[in-house]
C-alpha cells in the first residue's frame, strides 16, 4: 500500500487487514510480536509450538546491493530458526515476474550463508558448502481463488529426480 493512501483516516470501526504489506510487516517484524510469528510458523510448518518457541530470530530484511543500478532488495520478512532461513513474502497477486523475483530473493538468502565466518569455513570451501542450512521461501498471496493452500516446488533434473527441496 502506498504511503499516501496509508496516512488517510479510516472510517470508524474499520481496520486495515493484515493482508496489506504495511500491516503484515509492522506486526510480524517486531520482536514484541514474536509469539504471533511463532504461532504462524508452527501452524504453517505443521510442527508443535514448543519446537518453534524461543528459536525464531528476526533477521535484517535488506538483502543489500551488488551494483549501484540494482533495485531495492528489501524482503517482507526473514527469520532464522536454528540456522535455517525462512523468507516470507506477501503478494497481492501471483505472476511470472513475482515468482521470478521471489526465487531470486530465496537464492540470495540461501547464498548469503556463505558470507558467514565459522570454524567450518576455515576447514576448506567444500566443508563450507556442507554447512549451509535449509532456506524456505513462503509466498502468501491475497485475493486468490486457488484451491491449494500450500504448494511445494523443488529443484529437479529432467527425469524429475529431486536435487534440492
C-alpha atoms as a PDB file:
ATOM      1  CA  UNK A   1       0.000   0.000   0.000  1.00  0.00           C
ATOM      2  CA  UNK A   2       1.370   3.410  -0.895  1.00  0.00           C
ATOM      3  CA  UNK A   3       2.267   5.719   1.951  1.00  0.00           C
ATOM      4  CA  UNK A   4      -0.081   8.472   0.726  1.00  0.00           C
ATOM      5  CA  UNK A   5      -3.042   6.093   0.956  1.00  0.00           C
ATOM      6  CA  UNK A   6      -1.865   4.675   4.272  1.00  0.00           C
ATOM      7  CA  UNK A   7      -1.985   8.032   6.030  1.00  0.00           C
ATOM      8  CA  UNK A   8      -5.678   8.609   5.325  1.00  0.00           C
ATOM      9  CA  UNK A   9      -8.077   8.181   8.215  1.00  0.00           C
ATOM     10  CA  UNK A  10     -10.158   5.027   8.228  1.00  0.00           C
ATOM     11  CA  UNK A  11     -13.876   5.056   8.776  1.00  0.00           C
ATOM     12  CA  UNK A  12     -14.868   4.369  12.355  1.00  0.00           C
ATOM     13  CA  UNK A  13     -14.934   0.641  13.105  1.00  0.00           C
ATOM     14  CA  UNK A  14     -12.780  -0.243  10.091  1.00  0.00           C
ATOM     15  CA  UNK A  15      -9.318  -1.755  10.246  1.00  0.00           C
ATOM     16  CA  UNK A  16      -6.608  -2.292   7.665  1.00  0.00           C
ATOM     17  CA  UNK A  17      -6.382  -6.048   7.069  1.00  0.00           C
ATOM     18  CA  UNK A  18      -3.174  -7.954   7.758  1.00  0.00           C
ATOM     19  CA  UNK A  19      -3.056  -8.838   4.057  1.00  0.00           C
ATOM     20  CA  UNK A  20      -1.563  -5.412   3.325  1.00  0.00           C
ATOM     21  CA  UNK A  21       2.253  -5.363   3.266  1.00  0.00           C
ATOM     22  CA  UNK A  22       2.487  -2.396   5.609  1.00  0.00           C
ATOM     23  CA  UNK A  23       0.355  -4.044   8.300  1.00  0.00           C
ATOM     24  CA  UNK A  24       1.885  -7.500   7.787  1.00  0.00           C
ATOM     25  CA  UNK A  25       5.430  -6.176   8.139  1.00  0.00           C
ATOM     26  CA  UNK A  26       4.576  -3.986  11.142  1.00  0.00           C
ATOM     27  CA  UNK A  27       3.062  -6.931  13.002  1.00  0.00           C
ATOM     28  CA  UNK A  28       5.442  -9.762  12.103  1.00  0.00           C
ATOM     29  CA  UNK A  29       8.728  -7.795  12.054  1.00  0.00           C
ATOM     30  CA  UNK A  30       8.563  -6.724  15.693  1.00  0.00           C
ATOM     31  CA  UNK A  31      10.289  -8.580  18.487  1.00  0.00           C
ATOM     32  CA  UNK A  32       7.396  -7.820  20.847  1.00  0.00           C
ATOM     33  CA  UNK A  33       5.074  -9.764  18.489  1.00  0.00           C
ATOM     34  CA  UNK A  34       7.349 -12.802  18.126  1.00  0.00           C
ATOM     35  CA  UNK A  35       4.712 -15.099  19.676  1.00  0.00           C
ATOM     36  CA  UNK A  36       2.362 -14.296  16.767  1.00  0.00           C
ATOM     37  CA  UNK A  37       5.086 -15.238  14.286  1.00  0.00           C
ATOM     38  CA  UNK A  38       5.955 -18.394  16.256  1.00  0.00           C
ATOM     39  CA  UNK A  39       2.308 -19.489  16.194  1.00  0.00           C
ATOM     40  CA  UNK A  40       2.015 -18.822  12.462  1.00  0.00           C
ATOM     41  CA  UNK A  41       5.209 -20.767  11.695  1.00  0.00           C
ATOM     42  CA  UNK A  42       4.179 -23.690  13.903  1.00  0.00           C
ATOM     43  CA  UNK A  43       0.859 -23.933  12.032  1.00  0.00           C
ATOM     44  CA  UNK A  44       2.352 -23.427   8.577  1.00  0.00           C
ATOM     45  CA  UNK A  45       5.265 -25.826   9.099  1.00  0.00           C
ATOM     46  CA  UNK A  46       2.991 -28.307  10.874  1.00  0.00           C
ATOM     47  CA  UNK A  47       5.245 -28.626  13.928  1.00  0.00           C
ATOM     48  CA  UNK A  48       4.479 -28.147  17.600  1.00  0.00           C
ATOM     49  CA  UNK A  49       4.672 -24.646  19.032  1.00  0.00           C
ATOM     50  CA  UNK A  50       7.064 -25.993  21.660  1.00  0.00           C
ATOM     51  CA  UNK A  51       9.548 -26.890  18.910  1.00  0.00           C
ATOM     52  CA  UNK A  52       9.402 -23.322  17.498  1.00  0.00           C
ATOM     53  CA  UNK A  53       9.016 -21.191  20.641  1.00  0.00           C
ATOM     54  CA  UNK A  54      12.203 -19.394  21.613  1.00  0.00           C
ATOM     55  CA  UNK A  55      14.048 -20.416  18.430  1.00  0.00           C
ATOM     56  CA  UNK A  56      12.743 -17.779  15.988  1.00  0.00           C
ATOM     57  CA  UNK A  57      15.082 -14.873  15.307  1.00  0.00           C
ATOM     58  CA  UNK A  58      14.101 -11.894  13.170  1.00  0.00           C
ATOM     59  CA  UNK A  59      16.780 -11.035  10.608  1.00  0.00           C
ATOM     60  CA  UNK A  60      17.567  -7.911   8.602  1.00  0.00           C
ATOM     61  CA  UNK A  61      15.157  -7.566   5.656  1.00  0.00           C
ATOM     62  CA  UNK A  62      17.645  -5.752   3.426  1.00  0.00           C
ATOM     63  CA  UNK A  63      19.450  -8.134   1.091  1.00  0.00           C
ATOM     64  CA  UNK A  64      21.926  -5.470   0.009  1.00  0.00           C
ATOM     65  CA  UNK A  65      23.124  -4.174  -3.301  1.00  0.00           C
ATOM     66  CA  UNK A  66      25.818  -5.614  -5.535  1.00  0.00           C
ATOM     67  CA  UNK A  67      25.549  -2.946  -8.200  1.00  0.00           C
ATOM     68  CA  UNK A  68      24.520   0.715  -7.968  1.00  0.00           C
ATOM     69  CA  UNK A  69      21.751   0.262 -10.583  1.00  0.00           C
ATOM     70  CA  UNK A  70      20.047  -2.577  -8.700  1.00  0.00           C
ATOM     71  CA  UNK A  71      16.546  -2.196  -7.333  1.00  0.00           C
ATOM     72  CA  UNK A  72      15.960  -2.193  -3.597  1.00  0.00           C
ATOM     73  CA  UNK A  73      16.119  -5.753  -2.319  1.00  0.00           C
ATOM     74  CA  UNK A  74      14.030  -5.485   0.805  1.00  0.00           C
ATOM     75  CA  UNK A  75      12.011  -8.568   1.586  1.00  0.00           C
ATOM     76  CA  UNK A  76       8.869  -8.691   3.724  1.00  0.00           C
ATOM     77  CA  UNK A  77      10.080 -10.984   6.490  1.00  0.00           C
ATOM     78  CA  UNK A  78      13.249 -13.004   7.099  1.00  0.00           C
ATOM     79  CA  UNK A  79      13.685 -15.287  10.080  1.00  0.00           C
ATOM     80  CA  UNK A  80      16.220 -17.783  11.326  1.00  0.00           C
ATOM     81  CA  UNK A  81      15.225 -20.954  13.137  1.00  0.00           C
ATOM     82  CA  UNK A  82      18.322 -22.742  14.396  1.00  0.00           C
ATOM     83  CA  UNK A  83      20.326 -21.740  11.324  1.00  0.00           C
ATOM     84  CA  UNK A  84      17.599 -22.434   8.772  1.00  0.00           C
ATOM     85  CA  UNK A  85      16.348 -19.351   6.942  1.00  0.00           C
ATOM     86  CA  UNK A  86      12.694 -18.620   6.145  1.00  0.00           C
ATOM     87  CA  UNK A  87      11.763 -15.775   3.813  1.00  0.00           C
ATOM     88  CA  UNK A  88       8.071 -14.862   3.822  1.00  0.00           C
ATOM     89  CA  UNK A  89       6.701 -12.699   1.014  1.00  0.00           C
ATOM     90  CA  UNK A  90       3.189 -11.269   0.807  1.00  0.00           C
ATOM     91  CA  UNK A  91       1.780 -10.512  -2.660  1.00  0.00           C
ATOM     92  CA  UNK A  92      -1.490  -9.070  -3.941  1.00  0.00           C
ATOM     93  CA  UNK A  93      -1.368 -11.445  -6.904  1.00  0.00           C
ATOM     94  CA  UNK A  94       0.963 -14.054  -8.310  1.00  0.00           C
ATOM     95  CA  UNK A  95       2.565 -13.558 -11.708  1.00  0.00           C
ATOM     96  CA  UNK A  96       5.602 -14.948 -13.502  1.00  0.00           C
ATOM     97  CA  UNK A  97       7.564 -11.793 -12.668  1.00  0.00           C
ATOM     98  CA  UNK A  98       6.725 -12.017  -8.964  1.00  0.00           C
ATOM     99  CA  UNK A  99       7.608 -15.709  -8.887  1.00  0.00           C
ATOM    100  CA  UNK A 100      10.957 -14.980 -10.557  1.00  0.00           C
ATOM    101  CA  UNK A 101      11.634 -12.115  -8.125  1.00  0.00           C
ATOM    102  CA  UNK A 102      10.873 -14.355  -5.141  1.00  0.00           C
ATOM    103  CA  UNK A 103      13.151 -17.105  -6.499  1.00  0.00           C
ATOM    104  CA  UNK A 104      15.937 -14.502  -6.754  1.00  0.00           C
ATOM    105  CA  UNK A 105      15.251 -13.434  -3.157  1.00  0.00           C
ATOM    106  CA  UNK A 106      15.292 -17.049  -1.913  1.00  0.00           C
ATOM    107  CA  UNK A 107      18.567 -17.740  -3.742  1.00  0.00           C
ATOM    108  CA  UNK A 108      20.136 -14.571  -2.348  1.00  0.00           C
ATOM    109  CA  UNK A 109      19.099 -15.507   1.196  1.00  0.00           C
ATOM    110  CA  UNK A 110      20.417 -19.049   0.696  1.00  0.00           C
ATOM    111  CA  UNK A 111      23.718 -17.879  -0.813  1.00  0.00           C
ATOM    112  CA  UNK A 112      24.102 -15.298   1.952  1.00  0.00           C
ATOM    113  CA  UNK A 113      25.007 -18.104   4.314  1.00  0.00           C
ATOM    114  CA  UNK A 114      28.385 -18.376   2.565  1.00  0.00           C
ATOM    115  CA  UNK A 115      29.353 -14.970   3.911  1.00  0.00           C
ATOM    116  CA  UNK A 116      29.310 -16.263   7.477  1.00  0.00           C
ATOM    117  CA  UNK A 117      32.707 -16.830   9.075  1.00  0.00           C
ATOM    118  CA  UNK A 118      32.549 -20.067  11.027  1.00  0.00           C
ATOM    119  CA  UNK A 119      35.027 -22.691  12.143  1.00  0.00           C
ATOM    120  CA  UNK A 120      33.660 -24.998   9.453  1.00  0.00           C
ATOM    121  CA  UNK A 121      34.503 -22.387   6.791  1.00  0.00           C
ATOM    122  CA  UNK A 122      38.140 -22.366   7.853  1.00  0.00           C
ATOM    123  CA  UNK A 123      38.459 -26.074   7.017  1.00  0.00           C
ATOM    124  CA  UNK A 124      38.016 -25.509   3.277  1.00  0.00           C
ATOM    125  CA  UNK A 125      35.483 -24.440   0.686  1.00  0.00           C
ATOM    126  CA  UNK A 126      33.783 -27.843   0.288  1.00  0.00           C
ATOM    127  CA  UNK A 127      33.097 -28.099   4.008  1.00  0.00           C
ATOM    128  CA  UNK A 128      31.810 -24.536   3.930  1.00  0.00           C
ATOM    129  CA  UNK A 129      29.115 -25.521   1.423  1.00  0.00           C
ATOM    130  CA  UNK A 130      28.166 -28.517   3.563  1.00  0.00           C
ATOM    131  CA  UNK A 131      27.487 -26.120   6.442  1.00  0.00           C
ATOM    132  CA  UNK A 132      24.698 -24.337   4.537  1.00  0.00           C
ATOM    133  CA  UNK A 133      21.333 -24.922   6.201  1.00  0.00           C
ATOM    134  CA  UNK A 134      17.934 -25.065   4.507  1.00  0.00           C
ATOM    135  CA  UNK A 135      16.223 -21.994   3.096  1.00  0.00           C
ATOM    136  CA  UNK A 136      12.443 -21.932   2.822  1.00  0.00           C
ATOM    137  CA  UNK A 137      10.518 -19.403   0.742  1.00  0.00           C
ATOM    138  CA  UNK A 138       6.877 -18.885   1.741  1.00  0.00           C
ATOM    139  CA  UNK A 139       4.770 -16.864  -0.689  1.00  0.00           C
ATOM    140  CA  UNK A 140       1.493 -15.646   0.768  1.00  0.00           C
ATOM    141  CA  UNK A 141      -0.904 -14.394  -1.885  1.00  0.00           C
ATOM    142  CA  UNK A 142      -4.060 -12.489  -1.040  1.00  0.00           C
ATOM    143  CA  UNK A 143      -7.141 -12.236  -3.239  1.00  0.00           C
ATOM    144  CA  UNK A 144      -6.607 -15.622  -4.804  1.00  0.00           C
ATOM    145  CA  UNK A 145      -9.242 -18.162  -5.764  1.00  0.00           C
ATOM    146  CA  UNK A 146      -6.785 -21.060  -5.754  1.00  0.00           C
ATOM    147  CA  UNK A 147      -7.946 -24.242  -4.083  1.00  0.00           C
ATOM    148  CA  UNK A 148      -4.447 -25.217  -2.946  1.00  0.00           C
ATOM    149  CA  UNK A 149      -3.404 -23.608   0.288  1.00  0.00           C
ATOM    150  CA  UNK A 150       0.180 -24.817   0.009  1.00  0.00           C
ATOM    151  CA  UNK A 151       2.296 -25.794  -2.956  1.00  0.00           C
ATOM    152  CA  UNK A 152       5.864 -27.056  -2.896  1.00  0.00           C
ATOM    153  CA  UNK A 153       8.432 -26.561  -5.611  1.00  0.00           C
ATOM    154  CA  UNK A 154      11.684 -28.434  -5.914  1.00  0.00           C
ATOM    155  CA  UNK A 155      14.883 -28.237  -7.930  1.00  0.00           C
ATOM    156  CA  UNK A 156      14.845 -31.383 -10.098  1.00  0.00           C
ATOM    157  CA  UNK A 157      16.614 -32.874 -13.086  1.00  0.00           C
ATOM    158  CA  UNK A 158      14.892 -33.639 -16.413  1.00  0.00           C
ATOM    159  CA  UNK A 159      13.745 -37.033 -15.141  1.00  0.00           C
ATOM    160  CA  UNK A 160      12.068 -35.496 -12.118  1.00  0.00           C
ATOM    161  CA  UNK A 161      14.640 -36.637  -9.566  1.00  0.00           C
ATOM    162  CA  UNK A 162      14.671 -34.107  -6.725  1.00  0.00           C
ATOM    163  CA  UNK A 163      18.047 -32.424  -6.400  1.00  0.00           C
ATOM    164  CA  UNK A 164      17.110 -29.967  -3.697  1.00  0.00           C
ATOM    165  CA  UNK A 165      13.921 -29.012  -1.855  1.00  0.00           C
END
